[in-house]
């Protein structure tokens, strides 16, 4: 619990977690060894999930998500390893699991890990991972925002090649220009011309002012929302069904940050922060200072938590 001076509990002598102090919904401090053990177990589950993509491990269910896989493996760990523990300690472990689960949800900017493919999970590789083929890549830390990244790329592109305020109406791909040629010996013994498709530029980009840009390849970087809404009419011919299905399945979520301001600090100045490790069903209450507007969300790990992002 919090001490009388409102600083964190010192009931646990383990080294402090790098993420700070963890508390239950009742304000009780979670021992650091529990936090570390649960986080380590989950990291091992995530590493195991990577093998479905990286090592081609077969899936029993092709619709398996990283959420269902992690949930199943974690509660198997609770049943087998922690069966003799008290209900209070079990709930603490569940709380740390929910905290870790929600952090991964935020890092992936997804609405739910239960909607995130376990195959795609293994495709993501950090450049500096020991097992990564990219671990010798030089990291770049922009000093003046991410605009400096674009500045480096723009140095090699002529200014005349950059067209601003030029809306694209449609993209014609797999393009072949019909033309008439004299037949070859295999086609006809007649002297009549034959209509044959002669490939020109594979892709043509048509803009609103009538300009047409031809290219061998076109990279479309519009937002996911715009792509979902316009994919059926912005490409000619229509994209293959598997591509349209992939666009439809693409997901993105909301990641919000809430800033709280206090008149004076009441927490331990040496703390790395406070983490709320609540279990499912425990309420999350958000109230304004004047108490005029408030909301209570009864689910921590489910979709109802997303309501907070719209208050």
C-alpha atoms as a PDB file:
ATOM      1  CA  UNK A   1       0.000   0.000   0.000  1.00  0.00           C
ATOM      2  CA  UNK A   2       1.042   3.657  -0.158  1.00  0.00           C
ATOM      3  CA  UNK A   3       2.838   4.881   2.934  1.00  0.00           C
ATOM      4  CA  UNK A   4       1.541   7.762   5.041  1.00  0.00           C
ATOM      5  CA  UNK A   5       3.723  10.185   3.087  1.00  0.00           C
ATOM      6  CA  UNK A   6       2.048   8.896  -0.140  1.00  0.00           C
ATOM      7  CA  UNK A   7       5.243   7.388  -1.511  1.00  0.00           C
ATOM      8  CA  UNK A   8       5.471   3.831  -2.821  1.00  0.00           C
ATOM      9  CA  UNK A   9       5.577   0.754  -0.673  1.00  0.00           C
ATOM     10  CA  UNK A  10       8.914  -0.654   0.415  1.00  0.00           C
ATOM     11  CA  UNK A  11       7.561  -4.124   1.228  1.00  0.00           C
ATOM     12  CA  UNK A  12       9.704  -5.738  -1.454  1.00  0.00           C
ATOM     13  CA  UNK A  13      13.485  -5.694  -1.330  1.00  0.00           C
ATOM     14  CA  UNK A  14      14.061  -6.740  -4.962  1.00  0.00           C
ATOM     15  CA  UNK A  15      15.717  -4.348  -7.352  1.00  0.00           C
ATOM     16  CA  UNK A  16      13.183  -1.879  -8.763  1.00  0.00           C
ATOM     17  CA  UNK A  17      11.671  -2.659 -12.132  1.00  0.00           C
ATOM     18  CA  UNK A  18      12.853  -0.486 -15.013  1.00  0.00           C
ATOM     19  CA  UNK A  19       9.187   0.276 -15.649  1.00  0.00           C
ATOM     20  CA  UNK A  20       8.633   1.560 -12.102  1.00  0.00           C
ATOM     21  CA  UNK A  21       6.345   0.441  -9.312  1.00  0.00           C
ATOM     22  CA  UNK A  22       3.371  -1.825 -10.011  1.00  0.00           C
ATOM     23  CA  UNK A  23       0.093  -1.569  -8.108  1.00  0.00           C
ATOM     24  CA  UNK A  24      -3.162  -3.462  -8.013  1.00  0.00           C
ATOM     25  CA  UNK A  25      -6.523  -1.715  -8.307  1.00  0.00           C
ATOM     26  CA  UNK A  26      -6.627  -1.701  -4.495  1.00  0.00           C
ATOM     27  CA  UNK A  27      -3.345   0.225  -4.310  1.00  0.00           C
ATOM     28  CA  UNK A  28      -1.258  -2.701  -3.122  1.00  0.00           C
ATOM     29  CA  UNK A  29       2.306  -2.900  -4.402  1.00  0.00           C
ATOM     30  CA  UNK A  30       3.179  -5.932  -6.491  1.00  0.00           C
ATOM     31  CA  UNK A  31       6.550  -7.484  -5.548  1.00  0.00           C
ATOM     32  CA  UNK A  32       9.165  -6.860  -8.204  1.00  0.00           C
ATOM     33  CA  UNK A  33      10.125 -10.524  -8.489  1.00  0.00           C
ATOM     34  CA  UNK A  34       6.546 -11.274  -9.597  1.00  0.00           C
ATOM     35  CA  UNK A  35       6.668  -8.474 -12.165  1.00  0.00           C
ATOM     36  CA  UNK A  36       9.970  -9.704 -13.572  1.00  0.00           C
ATOM     37  CA  UNK A  37       8.904 -13.340 -13.661  1.00  0.00           C
ATOM     38  CA  UNK A  38       5.607 -12.639 -15.423  1.00  0.00           C
ATOM     39  CA  UNK A  39       7.246 -10.314 -17.961  1.00  0.00           C
ATOM     40  CA  UNK A  40       9.908 -12.944 -18.616  1.00  0.00           C
ATOM     41  CA  UNK A  41       7.255 -15.632 -19.175  1.00  0.00           C
ATOM     42  CA  UNK A  42       5.372 -13.423 -21.616  1.00  0.00           C
ATOM     43  CA  UNK A  43       8.555 -12.537 -23.493  1.00  0.00           C
ATOM     44  CA  UNK A  44       9.244 -16.265 -23.868  1.00  0.00           C
ATOM     45  CA  UNK A  45       5.709 -16.743 -25.216  1.00  0.00           C
ATOM     46  CA  UNK A  46       6.269 -13.938 -27.733  1.00  0.00           C
ATOM     47  CA  UNK A  47       9.592 -15.497 -28.789  1.00  0.00           C
ATOM     48  CA  UNK A  48       7.805 -18.817 -29.242  1.00  0.00           C
ATOM     49  CA  UNK A  49       5.137 -17.098 -31.366  1.00  0.00           C
ATOM     50  CA  UNK A  50       7.853 -15.753 -33.678  1.00  0.00           C
ATOM     51  CA  UNK A  51       8.663 -19.310 -34.764  1.00  0.00           C
ATOM     52  CA  UNK A  52       5.407 -19.689 -36.705  1.00  0.00           C
ATOM     53  CA  UNK A  53       6.729 -17.212 -39.262  1.00  0.00           C
ATOM     54  CA  UNK A  54      10.495 -17.404 -38.865  1.00  0.00           C
ATOM     55  CA  UNK A  55      10.800 -21.188 -38.701  1.00  0.00           C
ATOM     56  CA  UNK A  56       7.651 -22.142 -40.587  1.00  0.00           C
ATOM     57  CA  UNK A  57       6.087 -23.950 -37.634  1.00  0.00           C
ATOM     58  CA  UNK A  58       2.654 -25.251 -38.701  1.00  0.00           C
ATOM     59  CA  UNK A  59      -0.482 -23.785 -37.162  1.00  0.00           C
ATOM     60  CA  UNK A  60      -3.396 -25.877 -35.957  1.00  0.00           C
ATOM     61  CA  UNK A  61      -5.689 -22.938 -36.689  1.00  0.00           C
ATOM     62  CA  UNK A  62      -4.840 -20.563 -39.530  1.00  0.00           C
ATOM     63  CA  UNK A  63      -7.003 -17.908 -37.855  1.00  0.00           C
ATOM     64  CA  UNK A  64      -4.865 -17.983 -34.692  1.00  0.00           C
ATOM     65  CA  UNK A  65      -4.082 -14.516 -33.319  1.00  0.00           C
ATOM     66  CA  UNK A  66      -1.180 -13.452 -31.142  1.00  0.00           C
ATOM     67  CA  UNK A  67      -3.794 -12.611 -28.490  1.00  0.00           C
ATOM     68  CA  UNK A  68      -5.379 -16.052 -28.279  1.00  0.00           C
ATOM     69  CA  UNK A  69      -1.989 -17.781 -28.388  1.00  0.00           C
ATOM     70  CA  UNK A  70      -0.499 -15.606 -25.617  1.00  0.00           C
ATOM     71  CA  UNK A  71      -3.625 -15.856 -23.459  1.00  0.00           C
ATOM     72  CA  UNK A  72      -3.707 -19.639 -23.746  1.00  0.00           C
ATOM     73  CA  UNK A  73      -0.004 -20.092 -23.000  1.00  0.00           C
ATOM     74  CA  UNK A  74      -0.024 -17.687 -20.042  1.00  0.00           C
ATOM     75  CA  UNK A  75      -2.957 -19.325 -18.291  1.00  0.00           C
ATOM     76  CA  UNK A  76      -1.335 -22.697 -18.877  1.00  0.00           C
ATOM     77  CA  UNK A  77       1.666 -21.308 -16.974  1.00  0.00           C
ATOM     78  CA  UNK A  78      -0.632 -20.135 -14.161  1.00  0.00           C
ATOM     79  CA  UNK A  79      -2.275 -23.563 -13.875  1.00  0.00           C
ATOM     80  CA  UNK A  80       0.948 -25.547 -13.913  1.00  0.00           C
ATOM     81  CA  UNK A  81       3.533 -23.329 -12.203  1.00  0.00           C
ATOM     82  CA  UNK A  82       1.493 -21.170  -9.844  1.00  0.00           C
ATOM     83  CA  UNK A  83      -1.286 -23.555  -8.818  1.00  0.00           C
ATOM     84  CA  UNK A  84      -0.200 -23.580  -5.151  1.00  0.00           C
ATOM     85  CA  UNK A  85      -0.119 -19.791  -4.777  1.00  0.00           C
ATOM     86  CA  UNK A  86      -2.747 -17.725  -3.001  1.00  0.00           C
ATOM     87  CA  UNK A  87      -5.593 -16.115  -4.919  1.00  0.00           C
ATOM     88  CA  UNK A  88      -4.078 -12.700  -4.215  1.00  0.00           C
ATOM     89  CA  UNK A  89      -0.746 -13.599  -5.845  1.00  0.00           C
ATOM     90  CA  UNK A  90      -2.529 -15.161  -8.821  1.00  0.00           C
ATOM     91  CA  UNK A  91      -4.481 -11.935  -9.357  1.00  0.00           C
ATOM     92  CA  UNK A  92      -1.241  -9.961  -9.135  1.00  0.00           C
ATOM     93  CA  UNK A  93       0.237 -12.105 -11.893  1.00  0.00           C
ATOM     94  CA  UNK A  94      -2.911 -11.644 -13.956  1.00  0.00           C
ATOM     95  CA  UNK A  95      -2.645  -7.906 -13.437  1.00  0.00           C
ATOM     96  CA  UNK A  96       0.954  -7.799 -14.686  1.00  0.00           C
ATOM     97  CA  UNK A  97      -0.124  -9.928 -17.664  1.00  0.00           C
ATOM     98  CA  UNK A  98      -2.868  -7.418 -18.515  1.00  0.00           C
ATOM     99  CA  UNK A  99      -0.407  -4.529 -18.173  1.00  0.00           C
ATOM    100  CA  UNK A 100       2.082  -6.223 -20.502  1.00  0.00           C
ATOM    101  CA  UNK A 101      -0.717  -7.203 -22.897  1.00  0.00           C
ATOM    102  CA  UNK A 102      -2.025  -3.646 -23.127  1.00  0.00           C
ATOM    103  CA  UNK A 103       1.479  -2.255 -23.624  1.00  0.00           C
ATOM    104  CA  UNK A 104       1.965  -4.561 -26.604  1.00  0.00           C
ATOM    105  CA  UNK A 105      -1.394  -3.429 -27.916  1.00  0.00           C
ATOM    106  CA  UNK A 106      -0.246   0.204 -27.719  1.00  0.00           C
ATOM    107  CA  UNK A 107       3.152  -0.558 -29.290  1.00  0.00           C
ATOM    108  CA  UNK A 108       1.411  -2.247 -32.210  1.00  0.00           C
ATOM    109  CA  UNK A 109      -1.239   0.500 -32.467  1.00  0.00           C
ATOM    110  CA  UNK A 110      -3.925  -2.137 -32.820  1.00  0.00           C
ATOM    111  CA  UNK A 111      -7.439  -2.256 -31.448  1.00  0.00           C
ATOM    112  CA  UNK A 112      -6.899  -5.725 -30.053  1.00  0.00           C
ATOM    113  CA  UNK A 113      -4.154  -8.365 -30.057  1.00  0.00           C
ATOM    114  CA  UNK A 114      -6.976 -10.829 -30.624  1.00  0.00           C
ATOM    115  CA  UNK A 115      -7.288  -9.326 -34.102  1.00  0.00           C
ATOM    116  CA  UNK A 116      -3.534  -9.398 -34.806  1.00  0.00           C
ATOM    117  CA  UNK A 117      -2.153 -12.250 -36.908  1.00  0.00           C
ATOM    118  CA  UNK A 118       0.332 -14.516 -35.169  1.00  0.00           C
ATOM    119  CA  UNK A 119       2.073 -15.054 -38.514  1.00  0.00           C
ATOM    120  CA  UNK A 120       2.562 -11.329 -39.056  1.00  0.00           C
ATOM    121  CA  UNK A 121       3.839 -11.067 -35.468  1.00  0.00           C
ATOM    122  CA  UNK A 122       7.037 -12.866 -36.435  1.00  0.00           C
ATOM    123  CA  UNK A 123       7.658 -10.646 -39.446  1.00  0.00           C
ATOM    124  CA  UNK A 124       8.663  -7.711 -37.254  1.00  0.00           C
ATOM    125  CA  UNK A 125      12.386  -7.639 -36.493  1.00  0.00           C
ATOM    126  CA  UNK A 126      14.270  -4.983 -34.556  1.00  0.00           C
ATOM    127  CA  UNK A 127      17.477  -3.965 -36.293  1.00  0.00           C
ATOM    128  CA  UNK A 128      19.582  -4.316 -33.147  1.00  0.00           C
ATOM    129  CA  UNK A 129      18.278  -7.746 -32.107  1.00  0.00           C
ATOM    130  CA  UNK A 130      21.090 -10.243 -31.643  1.00  0.00           C
ATOM    131  CA  UNK A 131      19.313 -12.694 -33.958  1.00  0.00           C
ATOM    132  CA  UNK A 132      18.477 -10.098 -36.583  1.00  0.00           C
ATOM    133  CA  UNK A 133      20.173 -10.111 -39.972  1.00  0.00           C
ATOM    134  CA  UNK A 134      20.066  -6.331 -39.700  1.00  0.00           C
ATOM    135  CA  UNK A 135      21.919  -6.078 -36.381  1.00  0.00           C
ATOM    136  CA  UNK A 136      24.806  -4.235 -38.023  1.00  0.00           C
ATOM    137  CA  UNK A 137      22.613  -1.489 -39.445  1.00  0.00           C
ATOM    138  CA  UNK A 138      23.668   1.997 -38.415  1.00  0.00           C
ATOM    139  CA  UNK A 139      20.935   3.672 -36.398  1.00  0.00           C
ATOM    140  CA  UNK A 140      19.927   7.216 -37.195  1.00  0.00           C
ATOM    141  CA  UNK A 141      18.597   9.564 -34.538  1.00  0.00           C
ATOM    142  CA  UNK A 142      17.055  12.683 -36.114  1.00  0.00           C
ATOM    143  CA  UNK A 143      17.985  15.839 -34.269  1.00  0.00           C
ATOM    144  CA  UNK A 144      15.249  18.032 -35.741  1.00  0.00           C
ATOM    145  CA  UNK A 145      12.267  15.725 -36.033  1.00  0.00           C
ATOM    146  CA  UNK A 146      11.522  13.150 -38.703  1.00  0.00           C
ATOM    147  CA  UNK A 147      11.569  15.856 -41.357  1.00  0.00           C
ATOM    148  CA  UNK A 148      15.343  15.445 -41.342  1.00  0.00           C
ATOM    149  CA  UNK A 149      14.853  11.863 -42.558  1.00  0.00           C
ATOM    150  CA  UNK A 150      12.972  13.173 -45.599  1.00  0.00           C
ATOM    151  CA  UNK A 151      15.689  15.773 -46.183  1.00  0.00           C
ATOM    152  CA  UNK A 152      18.240  12.995 -46.642  1.00  0.00           C
ATOM    153  CA  UNK A 153      15.998  11.190 -49.132  1.00  0.00           C
ATOM    154  CA  UNK A 154      15.161  14.384 -51.023  1.00  0.00           C
ATOM    155  CA  UNK A 155      18.830  15.164 -51.637  1.00  0.00           C
ATOM    156  CA  UNK A 156      18.887  12.510 -54.366  1.00  0.00           C
ATOM    157  CA  UNK A 157      15.579  13.517 -55.988  1.00  0.00           C
ATOM    158  CA  UNK A 158      15.404  16.453 -58.436  1.00  0.00           C
ATOM    159  CA  UNK A 159      13.057  19.179 -57.215  1.00  0.00           C
ATOM    160  CA  UNK A 160      11.199  19.076 -60.555  1.00  0.00           C
ATOM    161  CA  UNK A 161      10.228  15.449 -59.864  1.00  0.00           C
ATOM    162  CA  UNK A 162       8.258  16.317 -56.736  1.00  0.00           C
ATOM    163  CA  UNK A 163       4.663  17.267 -57.532  1.00  0.00           C
ATOM    164  CA  UNK A 164       2.669  18.803 -54.696  1.00  0.00           C
ATOM    165  CA  UNK A 165      -1.058  19.601 -54.783  1.00  0.00           C
ATOM    166  CA  UNK A 166      -1.519  17.034 -57.541  1.00  0.00           C
ATOM    167  CA  UNK A 167      -4.407  14.740 -56.556  1.00  0.00           C
ATOM    168  CA  UNK A 168      -4.403  11.294 -58.143  1.00  0.00           C
ATOM    169  CA  UNK A 169      -7.722  10.142 -59.600  1.00  0.00           C
ATOM    170  CA  UNK A 170      -6.855   6.607 -60.641  1.00  0.00           C
ATOM    171  CA  UNK A 171      -3.952   4.230 -61.153  1.00  0.00           C
ATOM    172  CA  UNK A 172      -3.989   2.104 -64.294  1.00  0.00           C
ATOM    173  CA  UNK A 173      -1.809  -0.943 -63.804  1.00  0.00           C
ATOM    174  CA  UNK A 174      -1.029  -4.009 -65.902  1.00  0.00           C
ATOM    175  CA  UNK A 175      -1.355  -1.604 -68.810  1.00  0.00           C
ATOM    176  CA  UNK A 176      -1.069  -2.648 -72.428  1.00  0.00           C
ATOM    177  CA  UNK A 177      -1.751  -0.285 -75.327  1.00  0.00           C
ATOM    178  CA  UNK A 178      -3.767  -1.900 -78.188  1.00  0.00           C
ATOM    179  CA  UNK A 179      -2.240  -1.267 -81.578  1.00  0.00           C
ATOM    180  CA  UNK A 180      -2.390  -2.774 -85.089  1.00  0.00           C
ATOM    181  CA  UNK A 181       0.475  -4.649 -86.687  1.00  0.00           C
ATOM    182  CA  UNK A 182       0.896  -6.848 -89.681  1.00  0.00           C
ATOM    183  CA  UNK A 183       0.453 -10.543 -88.810  1.00  0.00           C
ATOM    184  CA  UNK A 184       3.349 -12.910 -88.553  1.00  0.00           C
ATOM    185  CA  UNK A 185       3.478 -16.235 -90.354  1.00  0.00           C
ATOM    186  CA  UNK A 186       2.012 -18.184 -87.446  1.00  0.00           C
ATOM    187  CA  UNK A 187      -1.014 -15.905 -87.068  1.00  0.00           C
ATOM    188  CA  UNK A 188      -2.372 -15.556 -90.570  1.00  0.00           C
ATOM    189  CA  UNK A 189      -1.506 -15.855 -94.220  1.00  0.00           C
ATOM    190  CA  UNK A 190      -3.676 -12.822 -94.832  1.00  0.00           C
ATOM    191  CA  UNK A 191      -2.265  -9.350 -95.315  1.00  0.00           C
ATOM    192  CA  UNK A 192      -4.893  -7.835 -92.992  1.00  0.00           C
ATOM    193  CA  UNK A 193      -3.493  -6.138 -89.875  1.00  0.00           C
ATOM    194  CA  UNK A 194      -3.915  -7.874 -86.523  1.00  0.00           C
ATOM    195  CA  UNK A 195      -4.948  -6.040 -83.336  1.00  0.00           C
ATOM    196  CA  UNK A 196      -2.312  -6.877 -80.739  1.00  0.00           C
ATOM    197  CA  UNK A 197      -1.629  -5.467 -77.257  1.00  0.00           C
ATOM    198  CA  UNK A 198       1.821  -3.945 -77.195  1.00  0.00           C
ATOM    199  CA  UNK A 199       3.018  -3.266 -73.620  1.00  0.00           C
ATOM    200  CA  UNK A 200       4.008   0.293 -72.884  1.00  0.00           C
ATOM    201  CA  UNK A 201       4.620   1.591 -69.362  1.00  0.00           C
ATOM    202  CA  UNK A 202       3.267  -0.993 -66.879  1.00  0.00           C
ATOM    203  CA  UNK A 203       1.629   1.668 -64.691  1.00  0.00           C
ATOM    204  CA  UNK A 204      -0.054   4.983 -65.483  1.00  0.00           C
ATOM    205  CA  UNK A 205      -1.034   7.479 -62.809  1.00  0.00           C
ATOM    206  CA  UNK A 206      -3.898   9.790 -63.839  1.00  0.00           C
ATOM    207  CA  UNK A 207      -4.179  13.070 -61.937  1.00  0.00           C
ATOM    208  CA  UNK A 208      -7.082  15.474 -61.506  1.00  0.00           C
ATOM    209  CA  UNK A 209      -5.669  18.022 -63.969  1.00  0.00           C
ATOM    210  CA  UNK A 210      -5.442  15.423 -66.744  1.00  0.00           C
ATOM    211  CA  UNK A 211      -1.714  14.778 -66.480  1.00  0.00           C
ATOM    212  CA  UNK A 212      -0.644  11.155 -66.863  1.00  0.00           C
ATOM    213  CA  UNK A 213       2.583   9.880 -65.300  1.00  0.00           C
ATOM    214  CA  UNK A 214       4.057   6.632 -66.604  1.00  0.00           C
ATOM    215  CA  UNK A 215       6.262   4.374 -64.508  1.00  0.00           C
ATOM    216  CA  UNK A 216       7.539   0.845 -64.192  1.00  0.00           C
ATOM    217  CA  UNK A 217       6.528   0.729 -60.530  1.00  0.00           C
ATOM    218  CA  UNK A 218       4.284   2.846 -58.304  1.00  0.00           C
ATOM    219  CA  UNK A 219       4.288   2.796 -54.506  1.00  0.00           C
ATOM    220  CA  UNK A 220       0.960   3.862 -53.003  1.00  0.00           C
ATOM    221  CA  UNK A 221       1.366   5.357 -49.511  1.00  0.00           C
ATOM    222  CA  UNK A 222      -2.083   6.753 -48.772  1.00  0.00           C
ATOM    223  CA  UNK A 223      -3.554   6.164 -45.332  1.00  0.00           C
ATOM    224  CA  UNK A 224      -5.140   2.817 -44.506  1.00  0.00           C
ATOM    225  CA  UNK A 225      -8.538   4.464 -44.039  1.00  0.00           C
ATOM    226  CA  UNK A 226      -8.409   6.130 -47.468  1.00  0.00           C
ATOM    227  CA  UNK A 227      -7.234   2.887 -49.062  1.00  0.00           C
ATOM    228  CA  UNK A 228     -10.082   0.897 -47.522  1.00  0.00           C
ATOM    229  CA  UNK A 229     -12.629   3.435 -48.767  1.00  0.00           C
ATOM    230  CA  UNK A 230     -11.269   3.899 -52.293  1.00  0.00           C
ATOM    231  CA  UNK A 231      -9.499   0.667 -53.261  1.00  0.00           C
ATOM    232  CA  UNK A 232     -12.457  -0.520 -55.357  1.00  0.00           C
ATOM    233  CA  UNK A 233     -12.354   2.415 -57.751  1.00  0.00           C
ATOM    234  CA  UNK A 234      -8.856   3.951 -57.579  1.00  0.00           C
ATOM    235  CA  UNK A 235      -7.195   1.025 -59.405  1.00  0.00           C
ATOM    236  CA  UNK A 236      -7.888  -0.031 -62.998  1.00  0.00           C
ATOM    237  CA  UNK A 237      -8.353  -2.896 -63.503  1.00  0.00           C
ATOM    238  CA  UNK A 238      -9.714  -3.887 -60.120  1.00  0.00           C
ATOM    239  CA  UNK A 239      -7.098  -5.376 -57.816  1.00  0.00           C
ATOM    240  CA  UNK A 240      -7.150  -9.165 -57.394  1.00  0.00           C
ATOM    241  CA  UNK A 241      -9.442 -10.494 -54.671  1.00  0.00           C
ATOM    242  CA  UNK A 242      -6.559 -11.528 -52.426  1.00  0.00           C
ATOM    243  CA  UNK A 243      -5.184  -7.969 -52.490  1.00  0.00           C
ATOM    244  CA  UNK A 244      -8.593  -6.462 -51.742  1.00  0.00           C
ATOM    245  CA  UNK A 245      -9.084  -8.936 -48.894  1.00  0.00           C
ATOM    246  CA  UNK A 246      -5.683  -7.984 -47.464  1.00  0.00           C
ATOM    247  CA  UNK A 247      -6.597  -4.283 -47.592  1.00  0.00           C
ATOM    248  CA  UNK A 248      -9.887  -5.024 -45.861  1.00  0.00           C
ATOM    249  CA  UNK A 249      -8.080  -6.883 -43.070  1.00  0.00           C
ATOM    250  CA  UNK A 250      -5.492  -4.179 -42.477  1.00  0.00           C
ATOM    251  CA  UNK A 251      -6.073  -2.752 -39.018  1.00  0.00           C
ATOM    252  CA  UNK A 252      -5.056   0.303 -37.089  1.00  0.00           C
ATOM    253  CA  UNK A 253      -6.018   1.637 -33.697  1.00  0.00           C
ATOM    254  CA  UNK A 254      -5.906   4.696 -31.484  1.00  0.00           C
ATOM    255  CA  UNK A 255      -3.088   5.339 -29.029  1.00  0.00           C
ATOM    256  CA  UNK A 256      -3.874   8.204 -26.669  1.00  0.00           C
ATOM    257  CA  UNK A 257      -1.822   9.776 -23.912  1.00  0.00           C
ATOM    258  CA  UNK A 258      -3.405  11.405 -20.877  1.00  0.00           C
ATOM    259  CA  UNK A 259      -1.394  14.051 -19.022  1.00  0.00           C
ATOM    260  CA  UNK A 260      -2.163  14.637 -15.352  1.00  0.00           C
ATOM    261  CA  UNK A 261      -0.920  17.761 -13.581  1.00  0.00           C
ATOM    262  CA  UNK A 262      -0.584  18.004  -9.791  1.00  0.00           C
ATOM    263  CA  UNK A 263       0.069  21.047  -7.629  1.00  0.00           C
ATOM    264  CA  UNK A 264       3.011  19.303  -6.003  1.00  0.00           C
ATOM    265  CA  UNK A 265       4.689  15.887  -6.313  1.00  0.00           C
ATOM    266  CA  UNK A 266       3.383  13.285  -3.881  1.00  0.00           C
ATOM    267  CA  UNK A 267       5.243  10.272  -5.227  1.00  0.00           C
ATOM    268  CA  UNK A 268       8.666   8.870  -4.419  1.00  0.00           C
ATOM    269  CA  UNK A 269      11.160  11.033  -6.326  1.00  0.00           C
ATOM    270  CA  UNK A 270      13.364   7.985  -6.985  1.00  0.00           C
ATOM    271  CA  UNK A 271      10.567   5.983  -8.606  1.00  0.00           C
ATOM    272  CA  UNK A 272      10.721   5.233 -12.326  1.00  0.00           C
ATOM    273  CA  UNK A 273       6.954   5.588 -12.504  1.00  0.00           C
ATOM    274  CA  UNK A 274       3.707   3.877 -11.555  1.00  0.00           C
ATOM    275  CA  UNK A 275       2.113   1.039 -13.458  1.00  0.00           C
ATOM    276  CA  UNK A 276      -1.497  -0.003 -12.921  1.00  0.00           C
ATOM    277  CA  UNK A 277      -1.692  -3.792 -13.069  1.00  0.00           C
ATOM    278  CA  UNK A 278      -5.443  -4.340 -12.886  1.00  0.00           C
ATOM    279  CA  UNK A 279      -7.275  -7.528 -13.666  1.00  0.00           C
ATOM    280  CA  UNK A 280     -10.313  -7.968 -15.890  1.00  0.00           C
ATOM    281  CA  UNK A 281     -13.556  -6.683 -14.425  1.00  0.00           C
ATOM    282  CA  UNK A 282     -11.933  -4.061 -12.206  1.00  0.00           C
ATOM    283  CA  UNK A 283     -13.205  -0.575 -13.086  1.00  0.00           C
ATOM    284  CA  UNK A 284     -11.182   2.129 -14.736  1.00  0.00           C
ATOM    285  CA  UNK A 285     -12.594   5.524 -13.743  1.00  0.00           C
ATOM    286  CA  UNK A 286     -11.729   8.761 -15.521  1.00  0.00           C
ATOM    287  CA  UNK A 287     -13.129  12.002 -14.122  1.00  0.00           C
ATOM    288  CA  UNK A 288     -12.532  15.630 -14.991  1.00  0.00           C
ATOM    289  CA  UNK A 289     -11.347  18.041 -12.312  1.00  0.00           C
ATOM    290  CA  UNK A 290     -14.773  19.669 -12.050  1.00  0.00           C
ATOM    291  CA  UNK A 291     -16.483  16.239 -11.938  1.00  0.00           C
ATOM    292  CA  UNK A 292     -18.848  17.417 -14.643  1.00  0.00           C
ATOM    293  CA  UNK A 293     -17.850  14.650 -17.038  1.00  0.00           C
ATOM    294  CA  UNK A 294     -16.838  11.180 -15.971  1.00  0.00           C
ATOM    295  CA  UNK A 295     -16.785   7.681 -17.349  1.00  0.00           C
ATOM    296  CA  UNK A 296     -16.294   4.226 -15.917  1.00  0.00           C
ATOM    297  CA  UNK A 297     -15.044   1.333 -17.992  1.00  0.00           C
ATOM    298  CA  UNK A 298     -15.540  -2.083 -16.452  1.00  0.00           C
ATOM    299  CA  UNK A 299     -13.104  -3.993 -18.635  1.00  0.00           C
ATOM    300  CA  UNK A 300      -9.351  -3.484 -18.655  1.00  0.00           C
ATOM    301  CA  UNK A 301      -8.233  -5.966 -21.263  1.00  0.00           C
ATOM    302  CA  UNK A 302     -11.213  -5.880 -23.610  1.00  0.00           C
ATOM    303  CA  UNK A 303     -12.520  -3.550 -26.235  1.00  0.00           C
ATOM    304  CA  UNK A 304     -14.461  -1.410 -23.785  1.00  0.00           C
ATOM    305  CA  UNK A 305     -11.202   0.241 -22.768  1.00  0.00           C
ATOM    306  CA  UNK A 306     -11.146   1.876 -26.186  1.00  0.00           C
ATOM    307  CA  UNK A 307     -14.006   4.097 -25.003  1.00  0.00           C
ATOM    308  CA  UNK A 308     -11.453   6.072 -23.000  1.00  0.00           C
ATOM    309  CA  UNK A 309      -9.864   7.185 -26.248  1.00  0.00           C
ATOM    310  CA  UNK A 310     -13.071   8.944 -27.273  1.00  0.00           C
ATOM    311  CA  UNK A 311     -13.810  10.896 -24.101  1.00  0.00           C
END
